[in-house]
Amino acid sequence: MIQKHSNQKIINKIYSHRGASGEEPEHSFPAYDLALLYGSHNIEQDLVTSKDGTLYVSHDDNAKRLTGVDRLYSDMTDEEINQLRTSDNNHILRLQDVFDRYKKTTHYVIELKENDKQIDLFNNIIRQNNMEDFVIIQARTLTSLNKIKQTFPKITTLLLAKDDIEAQNACKADYVDIISLNTKFMTKDIVKIIHEANKQANFWTLNSMADINKAINLGADSYFTNYTAKAIELEKKYASFFH
């Protein structure tokens, strides 16, 4: 078993993508529990919205891949979603379920899958749970992040940029703290550009030793991975080698 490492800076670099989803069912309590057991300080949630206006945690907007039910979450009531089960007999979590379980013991890296449509719901649940200091909010549009930053000035914002051009444009936005790119855009030049704009460089989704080592060597500030334990071990090895 991997113990929590004392160097918080190392652990903070690792965003557990849908939990420890390389080992347990994505966006489930087992996946989140395992990521936290390994020492993660950041667990990710993707948000979808039910017909009743409740925020649920799912990467897909359709329940078919995980539950076999070919319906959009937006077309289902809370009661219908609560009856769904995955092949591992896990239910689809509400964001509130996740907050209730882990409270302020970790940080949540939350993606608005529906961008502006979810902002009011997101703002309400963050306010109700007093979670502004414990959330990194992801979105694919600058307008969404700008609106959220106006409501929660201290919240950490992350733009999921579609390419290096969009990333460079985001460097000019003072309401963006972290710029995230697909691993295919992970280069020394883009990391330098982002850092020169006084922002953090993040990449997704890094699962191989080669990709994680590359991120470390390029000076990436953080990255998403399905394999929390692997990333922690590689980060620790790198830190011990240079220190």
C-alpha atoms as a PDB file:
ATOM      1  CA  MET A   1       0.000   0.000   0.000  1.00  0.00           C
ATOM      2  CA  ILE A   2       1.277   3.459  -0.850  1.00  0.00           C
ATOM      3  CA  GLN A   3       1.364   5.809   2.087  1.00  0.00           C
ATOM      4  CA  LYS A   4       0.570   9.496   1.890  1.00  0.00           C
ATOM      5  CA  HIS A   5       3.705  11.382   0.956  1.00  0.00           C
ATOM      6  CA  SER A   6       4.790  14.239   3.156  1.00  0.00           C
ATOM      7  CA  ASN A   7       5.521  16.520   0.216  1.00  0.00           C
ATOM      8  CA  GLN A   8       2.161  18.163  -0.392  1.00  0.00           C
ATOM      9  CA  LYS A   9       3.438  19.941  -3.486  1.00  0.00           C
ATOM     10  CA  ILE A  10       3.957  16.593  -5.215  1.00  0.00           C
ATOM     11  CA  ILE A  11       0.517  15.297  -4.334  1.00  0.00           C
ATOM     12  CA  ASN A  12      -1.187  18.518  -5.384  1.00  0.00           C
ATOM     13  CA  LYS A  13       0.099  18.044  -8.943  1.00  0.00           C
ATOM     14  CA  ILE A  14      -1.978  14.910  -9.418  1.00  0.00           C
ATOM     15  CA  TYR A  15      -5.655  15.141 -10.345  1.00  0.00           C
ATOM     16  CA  SER A  16      -7.332  11.766  -9.925  1.00  0.00           C
ATOM     17  CA  HIS A  17      -9.330  11.517 -13.147  1.00  0.00           C
ATOM     18  CA  ARG A  18     -12.831  10.292 -12.243  1.00  0.00           C
ATOM     19  CA  GLY A  19     -11.158   8.951  -9.090  1.00  0.00           C
ATOM     20  CA  ALA A  20      -8.713   6.056  -9.360  1.00  0.00           C
ATOM     21  CA  SER A  21     -10.603   5.101 -12.493  1.00  0.00           C
ATOM     22  CA  GLY A  22      -7.865   2.869 -13.885  1.00  0.00           C
ATOM     23  CA  GLU A  23      -8.570   0.455 -11.040  1.00  0.00           C
ATOM     24  CA  GLU A  24     -12.157   1.038  -9.896  1.00  0.00           C
ATOM     25  CA  PRO A  25     -15.373   2.073 -11.700  1.00  0.00           C
ATOM     26  CA  GLU A  26     -15.183   5.735 -12.695  1.00  0.00           C
ATOM     27  CA  HIS A  27     -16.960   8.349 -10.590  1.00  0.00           C
ATOM     28  CA  SER A  28     -17.852   5.813  -7.915  1.00  0.00           C
ATOM     29  CA  PHE A  29     -17.149   5.864  -4.193  1.00  0.00           C
ATOM     30  CA  PRO A  30     -14.673   2.956  -4.597  1.00  0.00           C
ATOM     31  CA  ALA A  31     -12.754   4.991  -7.203  1.00  0.00           C
ATOM     32  CA  TYR A  32     -12.683   8.107  -5.022  1.00  0.00           C
ATOM     33  CA  ASP A  33     -11.892   6.141  -1.860  1.00  0.00           C
ATOM     34  CA  LEU A  34      -8.945   4.415  -3.518  1.00  0.00           C
ATOM     35  CA  ALA A  35      -7.532   7.656  -4.932  1.00  0.00           C
ATOM     36  CA  LEU A  36      -7.672   9.230  -1.485  1.00  0.00           C
ATOM     37  CA  LEU A  37      -6.163   6.136   0.104  1.00  0.00           C
ATOM     38  CA  TYR A  38      -3.198   6.448  -2.228  1.00  0.00           C
ATOM     39  CA  GLY A  39      -2.794  10.032  -1.064  1.00  0.00           C
ATOM     40  CA  SER A  40      -4.553  12.104  -3.720  1.00  0.00           C
ATOM     41  CA  HIS A  41      -5.645  15.600  -2.734  1.00  0.00           C
ATOM     42  CA  ASN A  42      -7.728  16.153  -5.880  1.00  0.00           C
ATOM     43  CA  ILE A  43     -10.612  13.996  -7.120  1.00  0.00           C
ATOM     44  CA  GLU A  44     -12.494  14.849 -10.297  1.00  0.00           C
ATOM     45  CA  GLN A  45     -16.241  15.075 -10.980  1.00  0.00           C
ATOM     46  CA  ASP A  46     -17.985  15.628 -14.335  1.00  0.00           C
ATOM     47  CA  LEU A  47     -21.441  17.141 -13.978  1.00  0.00           C
ATOM     48  CA  VAL A  48     -24.672  16.316 -15.776  1.00  0.00           C
ATOM     49  CA  THR A  49     -28.105  17.660 -14.881  1.00  0.00           C
ATOM     50  CA  SER A  50     -31.283  15.683 -14.284  1.00  0.00           C
ATOM     51  CA  LYS A  51     -34.720  16.665 -15.554  1.00  0.00           C
ATOM     52  CA  ASP A  52     -35.400  17.882 -12.003  1.00  0.00           C
ATOM     53  CA  GLY A  53     -32.362  20.164 -12.050  1.00  0.00           C
ATOM     54  CA  THR A  54     -30.093  18.085  -9.805  1.00  0.00           C
ATOM     55  CA  LEU A  55     -26.367  17.838 -10.477  1.00  0.00           C
ATOM     56  CA  TYR A  56     -25.205  14.245 -10.966  1.00  0.00           C
ATOM     57  CA  VAL A  57     -21.688  12.957 -11.582  1.00  0.00           C
ATOM     58  CA  SER A  58     -21.092  11.374 -14.986  1.00  0.00           C
ATOM     59  CA  HIS A  59     -18.686  11.920 -17.834  1.00  0.00           C
ATOM     60  CA  ASP A  60     -21.297  10.893 -20.432  1.00  0.00           C
ATOM     61  CA  ASP A  61     -24.567  12.737 -20.971  1.00  0.00           C
ATOM     62  CA  ASN A  62     -26.152   9.350 -21.756  1.00  0.00           C
ATOM     63  CA  ALA A  63     -26.425   6.556 -19.175  1.00  0.00           C
ATOM     64  CA  LYS A  64     -25.966   3.720 -21.679  1.00  0.00           C
ATOM     65  CA  ARG A  65     -22.222   3.026 -21.380  1.00  0.00           C
ATOM     66  CA  LEU A  66     -22.256   2.684 -17.616  1.00  0.00           C
ATOM     67  CA  THR A  67     -25.749   1.365 -16.893  1.00  0.00           C
ATOM     68  CA  GLY A  68     -27.054  -0.104 -20.149  1.00  0.00           C
ATOM     69  CA  VAL A  69     -29.988   2.323 -20.121  1.00  0.00           C
ATOM     70  CA  ASP A  70     -29.988   4.349 -23.341  1.00  0.00           C
ATOM     71  CA  ARG A  71     -31.345   7.635 -22.042  1.00  0.00           C
ATOM     72  CA  LEU A  72     -30.001  11.108 -21.465  1.00  0.00           C
ATOM     73  CA  TYR A  73     -29.680  12.147 -17.839  1.00  0.00           C
ATOM     74  CA  SER A  74     -31.368  15.413 -18.786  1.00  0.00           C
ATOM     75  CA  ASP A  75     -34.474  13.432 -19.790  1.00  0.00           C
ATOM     76  CA  MET A  76     -34.660  11.485 -16.517  1.00  0.00           C
ATOM     77  CA  THR A  77     -36.050  12.500 -13.155  1.00  0.00           C
ATOM     78  CA  ASP A  78     -34.017  12.138  -9.981  1.00  0.00           C
ATOM     79  CA  GLU A  79     -36.081   9.068  -9.084  1.00  0.00           C
ATOM     80  CA  GLU A  80     -35.248   7.424 -12.399  1.00  0.00           C
ATOM     81  CA  ILE A  81     -31.531   8.182 -12.134  1.00  0.00           C
ATOM     82  CA  ASN A  82     -31.407   6.941  -8.552  1.00  0.00           C
ATOM     83  CA  GLN A  83     -32.702   3.565  -9.725  1.00  0.00           C
ATOM     84  CA  LEU A  84     -29.873   3.108 -12.243  1.00  0.00           C
ATOM     85  CA  ARG A  85     -27.049   0.692 -11.444  1.00  0.00           C
ATOM     86  CA  THR A  86     -23.734   0.052 -13.139  1.00  0.00           C
ATOM     87  CA  SER A  87     -22.420  -3.433 -13.902  1.00  0.00           C
ATOM     88  CA  ASP A  88     -20.558  -3.234 -10.578  1.00  0.00           C
ATOM     89  CA  ASN A  89     -23.806  -2.329  -8.799  1.00  0.00           C
ATOM     90  CA  ASN A  90     -22.769   1.259  -8.149  1.00  0.00           C
ATOM     91  CA  HIS A  91     -25.391   3.975  -8.409  1.00  0.00           C
ATOM     92  CA  ILE A  92     -24.953   7.321 -10.152  1.00  0.00           C
ATOM     93  CA  LEU A  93     -23.787   9.823  -7.569  1.00  0.00           C
ATOM     94  CA  ARG A  94     -25.144  13.284  -7.023  1.00  0.00           C
ATOM     95  CA  LEU A  95     -22.522  15.963  -6.471  1.00  0.00           C
ATOM     96  CA  GLN A  96     -24.120  16.457  -3.061  1.00  0.00           C
ATOM     97  CA  ASP A  97     -23.470  12.768  -2.260  1.00  0.00           C
ATOM     98  CA  VAL A  98     -19.773  13.326  -2.936  1.00  0.00           C
ATOM     99  CA  PHE A  99     -19.659  16.456  -0.777  1.00  0.00           C
ATOM    100  CA  ASP A 100     -21.525  14.646   2.015  1.00  0.00           C
ATOM    101  CA  ARG A 101     -19.045  11.777   2.029  1.00  0.00           C
ATOM    102  CA  TYR A 102     -15.727  13.634   1.839  1.00  0.00           C
ATOM    103  CA  LYS A 103     -16.677  17.113   3.060  1.00  0.00           C
ATOM    104  CA  LYS A 104     -13.575  19.340   3.327  1.00  0.00           C
ATOM    105  CA  THR A 105     -11.034  16.531   3.563  1.00  0.00           C
ATOM    106  CA  THR A 106     -10.041  16.830  -0.113  1.00  0.00           C
ATOM    107  CA  HIS A 107     -10.293  19.088  -3.148  1.00  0.00           C
ATOM    108  CA  TYR A 108     -12.787  18.609  -5.963  1.00  0.00           C
ATOM    109  CA  VAL A 109     -11.882  19.180  -9.611  1.00  0.00           C
ATOM    110  CA  ILE A 110     -15.338  19.738 -11.105  1.00  0.00           C
ATOM    111  CA  GLU A 111     -16.173  20.024 -14.795  1.00  0.00           C
ATOM    112  CA  LEU A 112     -19.276  21.780 -16.072  1.00  0.00           C
ATOM    113  CA  LYS A 113     -20.184  19.489 -18.972  1.00  0.00           C
ATOM    114  CA  GLU A 114     -23.028  21.798 -19.992  1.00  0.00           C
ATOM    115  CA  ASN A 115     -21.062  25.035 -19.532  1.00  0.00           C
ATOM    116  CA  ASP A 116     -23.263  28.077 -18.890  1.00  0.00           C
ATOM    117  CA  LYS A 117     -26.417  25.985 -18.374  1.00  0.00           C
ATOM    118  CA  GLN A 118     -25.065  24.613 -15.103  1.00  0.00           C
ATOM    119  CA  ILE A 119     -23.606  27.777 -13.600  1.00  0.00           C
ATOM    120  CA  ASP A 120     -26.533  28.722 -11.364  1.00  0.00           C
ATOM    121  CA  LEU A 121     -26.882  25.154 -10.064  1.00  0.00           C
ATOM    122  CA  PHE A 122     -23.148  24.967  -9.439  1.00  0.00           C
ATOM    123  CA  ASN A 123     -23.052  28.330  -7.666  1.00  0.00           C
ATOM    124  CA  ASN A 124     -25.923  27.294  -5.408  1.00  0.00           C
ATOM    125  CA  ILE A 125     -24.384  24.001  -4.313  1.00  0.00           C
ATOM    126  CA  ILE A 126     -20.973  25.565  -3.703  1.00  0.00           C
ATOM    127  CA  ARG A 127     -22.570  28.301  -1.620  1.00  0.00           C
ATOM    128  CA  GLN A 128     -24.727  25.830   0.345  1.00  0.00           C
ATOM    129  CA  ASN A 129     -21.727  23.665   1.190  1.00  0.00           C
ATOM    130  CA  ASN A 130     -19.255  26.546   1.618  1.00  0.00           C
ATOM    131  CA  MET A 131     -16.848  24.832  -0.780  1.00  0.00           C
ATOM    132  CA  GLU A 132     -15.264  27.776  -2.618  1.00  0.00           C
ATOM    133  CA  ASP A 133     -11.816  27.061  -1.158  1.00  0.00           C
ATOM    134  CA  PHE A 134     -12.026  23.348  -1.913  1.00  0.00           C
ATOM    135  CA  VAL A 135     -12.937  23.384  -5.598  1.00  0.00           C
ATOM    136  CA  ILE A 136     -11.134  23.729  -8.901  1.00  0.00           C
ATOM    137  CA  ILE A 137     -13.769  24.438 -11.530  1.00  0.00           C
ATOM    138  CA  GLN A 138     -13.237  23.267 -15.121  1.00  0.00           C
ATOM    139  CA  ALA A 139     -15.044  24.466 -18.237  1.00  0.00           C
ATOM    140  CA  ARG A 140     -14.481  24.556 -21.984  1.00  0.00           C
ATOM    141  CA  THR A 141     -15.588  28.163 -22.389  1.00  0.00           C
ATOM    142  CA  LEU A 142     -14.039  31.338 -21.045  1.00  0.00           C
ATOM    143  CA  THR A 143     -17.457  32.871 -20.476  1.00  0.00           C
ATOM    144  CA  SER A 144     -18.364  30.158 -17.968  1.00  0.00           C
ATOM    145  CA  LEU A 145     -15.190  30.658 -15.952  1.00  0.00           C
ATOM    146  CA  ASN A 146     -15.579  34.427 -16.024  1.00  0.00           C
ATOM    147  CA  LYS A 147     -19.111  34.219 -14.651  1.00  0.00           C
ATOM    148  CA  ILE A 148     -18.096  31.845 -11.866  1.00  0.00           C
ATOM    149  CA  LYS A 149     -15.091  33.952 -10.901  1.00  0.00           C
ATOM    150  CA  GLN A 150     -17.369  36.973 -10.533  1.00  0.00           C
ATOM    151  CA  THR A 151     -19.439  35.052  -7.973  1.00  0.00           C
ATOM    152  CA  PHE A 152     -16.547  33.271  -6.252  1.00  0.00           C
ATOM    153  CA  PRO A 153     -13.405  35.420  -6.651  1.00  0.00           C
ATOM    154  CA  LYS A 154     -11.208  32.981  -4.692  1.00  0.00           C
ATOM    155  CA  ILE A 155     -12.198  29.865  -6.596  1.00  0.00           C
ATOM    156  CA  THR A 156      -9.533  28.250  -8.804  1.00  0.00           C
ATOM    157  CA  THR A 157     -10.516  28.141 -12.473  1.00  0.00           C
ATOM    158  CA  LEU A 158      -9.266  25.753 -15.159  1.00  0.00           C
ATOM    159  CA  LEU A 159      -9.870  26.118 -18.893  1.00  0.00           C
ATOM    160  CA  LEU A 160     -10.020  22.928 -20.949  1.00  0.00           C
ATOM    161  CA  ALA A 161      -8.465  24.363 -24.089  1.00  0.00           C
ATOM    162  CA  LYS A 162      -9.165  22.633 -27.393  1.00  0.00           C
ATOM    163  CA  ASP A 163      -5.718  23.422 -28.807  1.00  0.00           C
ATOM    164  CA  ASP A 164      -2.546  25.444 -28.251  1.00  0.00           C
ATOM    165  CA  ILE A 165      -4.039  28.505 -29.986  1.00  0.00           C
ATOM    166  CA  GLU A 166      -6.943  28.644 -27.549  1.00  0.00           C
ATOM    167  CA  ALA A 167      -4.495  28.082 -24.703  1.00  0.00           C
ATOM    168  CA  GLN A 168      -2.427  31.085 -25.769  1.00  0.00           C
ATOM    169  CA  ASN A 169      -5.550  33.253 -26.005  1.00  0.00           C
ATOM    170  CA  ALA A 170      -6.570  32.157 -22.503  1.00  0.00           C
ATOM    171  CA  CYS A 171      -3.253  33.423 -21.195  1.00  0.00           C
ATOM    172  CA  LYS A 172      -4.702  36.926 -21.528  1.00  0.00           C
ATOM    173  CA  ALA A 173      -7.725  36.178 -19.314  1.00  0.00           C
ATOM    174  CA  ASP A 174      -7.147  37.275 -15.723  1.00  0.00           C
ATOM    175  CA  TYR A 175     -10.005  35.056 -14.495  1.00  0.00           C
ATOM    176  CA  VAL A 176      -8.266  31.849 -15.646  1.00  0.00           C
ATOM    177  CA  ASP A 177      -5.780  30.275 -13.230  1.00  0.00           C
ATOM    178  CA  ILE A 178      -4.951  26.968 -14.927  1.00  0.00           C
ATOM    179  CA  ILE A 179      -4.813  26.137 -18.626  1.00  0.00           C
ATOM    180  CA  SER A 180      -5.310  22.470 -19.479  1.00  0.00           C
ATOM    181  CA  LEU A 181      -4.527  20.739 -22.763  1.00  0.00           C
ATOM    182  CA  ASN A 182      -4.661  17.266 -24.235  1.00  0.00           C
ATOM    183  CA  THR A 183      -1.385  15.383 -23.891  1.00  0.00           C
ATOM    184  CA  LYS A 184      -0.703  15.752 -27.631  1.00  0.00           C
ATOM    185  CA  PHE A 185      -0.085  19.471 -27.020  1.00  0.00           C
ATOM    186  CA  MET A 186       2.337  18.820 -24.148  1.00  0.00           C
ATOM    187  CA  THR A 187       5.489  20.633 -25.250  1.00  0.00           C
ATOM    188  CA  LYS A 188       8.212  22.730 -23.677  1.00  0.00           C
ATOM    189  CA  ASP A 189       7.059  25.779 -25.662  1.00  0.00           C
ATOM    190  CA  ILE A 190       3.435  25.731 -24.488  1.00  0.00           C
ATOM    191  CA  VAL A 191       4.477  25.221 -20.866  1.00  0.00           C
ATOM    192  CA  LYS A 192       6.803  28.228 -21.186  1.00  0.00           C
ATOM    193  CA  ILE A 193       4.066  30.385 -22.740  1.00  0.00           C
ATOM    194  CA  ILE A 194       1.608  29.511 -19.973  1.00  0.00           C
ATOM    195  CA  HIS A 195       4.173  30.121 -17.232  1.00  0.00           C
ATOM    196  CA  GLU A 196       5.200  33.464 -18.702  1.00  0.00           C
ATOM    197  CA  ALA A 197       1.552  34.503 -18.370  1.00  0.00           C
ATOM    198  CA  ASN A 198       1.737  33.623 -14.643  1.00  0.00           C
ATOM    199  CA  LYS A 199      -0.671  30.718 -15.060  1.00  0.00           C
ATOM    200  CA  GLN A 200      -0.387  27.012 -14.361  1.00  0.00           C
ATOM    201  CA  ALA A 201       0.012  24.378 -17.092  1.00  0.00           C
ATOM    202  CA  ASN A 202      -2.100  21.233 -16.823  1.00  0.00           C
ATOM    203  CA  PHE A 203      -2.469  18.242 -19.173  1.00  0.00           C
ATOM    204  CA  TRP A 204      -4.871  15.343 -19.614  1.00  0.00           C
ATOM    205  CA  THR A 205      -5.093  12.379 -19.452  1.00  0.00           C
ATOM    206  CA  LEU A 206      -1.641  11.021 -18.577  1.00  0.00           C
ATOM    207  CA  ASN A 207      -1.689   7.282 -17.864  1.00  0.00           C
ATOM    208  CA  SER A 208       1.612   5.888 -19.151  1.00  0.00           C
ATOM    209  CA  MET A 209       4.973   6.166 -17.416  1.00  0.00           C
ATOM    210  CA  ALA A 210       6.293   7.929 -20.517  1.00  0.00           C
ATOM    211  CA  ASP A 211       3.629  10.646 -20.464  1.00  0.00           C
ATOM    212  CA  ILE A 212       3.867  11.221 -16.714  1.00  0.00           C
ATOM    213  CA  ASN A 213       7.658  11.413 -16.845  1.00  0.00           C
ATOM    214  CA  LYS A 214       7.408  13.844 -19.751  1.00  0.00           C
ATOM    215  CA  ALA A 215       5.062  16.094 -17.774  1.00  0.00           C
ATOM    216  CA  ILE A 216       7.426  16.045 -14.814  1.00  0.00           C
ATOM    217  CA  ASN A 217      10.448  16.876 -16.969  1.00  0.00           C
ATOM    218  CA  LEU A 218       8.633  19.707 -18.778  1.00  0.00           C
ATOM    219  CA  GLY A 219       7.625  21.301 -15.496  1.00  0.00           C
ATOM    220  CA  ALA A 220       3.855  20.803 -15.807  1.00  0.00           C
ATOM    221  CA  ASP A 221       2.139  22.146 -12.710  1.00  0.00           C
ATOM    222  CA  SER A 222      -0.505  19.418 -12.647  1.00  0.00           C
ATOM    223  CA  TYR A 223      -2.122  16.705 -14.739  1.00  0.00           C
ATOM    224  CA  PHE A 224      -5.053  14.324 -14.834  1.00  0.00           C
ATOM    225  CA  THR A 225      -4.402  10.592 -14.554  1.00  0.00           C
ATOM    226  CA  ASN A 226      -6.443   7.415 -14.127  1.00  0.00           C
ATOM    227  CA  TYR A 227      -3.543   5.885 -12.177  1.00  0.00           C
ATOM    228  CA  THR A 228      -3.002   7.902  -9.018  1.00  0.00           C
ATOM    229  CA  ALA A 229      -0.613   5.421  -7.399  1.00  0.00           C
ATOM    230  CA  LYS A 230       1.641   5.250 -10.463  1.00  0.00           C
ATOM    231  CA  ALA A 231       1.826   9.042 -10.685  1.00  0.00           C
ATOM    232  CA  ILE A 232       2.634   9.439  -6.993  1.00  0.00           C
ATOM    233  CA  GLU A 233       5.446   6.897  -7.205  1.00  0.00           C
ATOM    234  CA  LEU A 234       6.966   8.543 -10.280  1.00  0.00           C
ATOM    235  CA  GLU A 235       6.731  11.989  -8.694  1.00  0.00           C
ATOM    236  CA  LYS A 236       8.387  10.712  -5.517  1.00  0.00           C
ATOM    237  CA  LYS A 237      11.159   9.040  -7.495  1.00  0.00           C
ATOM    238  CA  TYR A 238      11.822  12.230  -9.446  1.00  0.00           C
ATOM    239  CA  ALA A 239      11.823  14.364  -6.296  1.00  0.00           C
ATOM    240  CA  SER A 240      14.237  12.047  -4.465  1.00  0.00           C
ATOM    241  CA  PHE A 241      16.587  11.967  -7.466  1.00  0.00           C
ATOM    242  CA  PHE A 242      16.912  15.749  -7.655  1.00  0.00           C
ATOM    243  CA  HIS A 243      16.778  16.476  -3.945  1.00  0.00           C
END
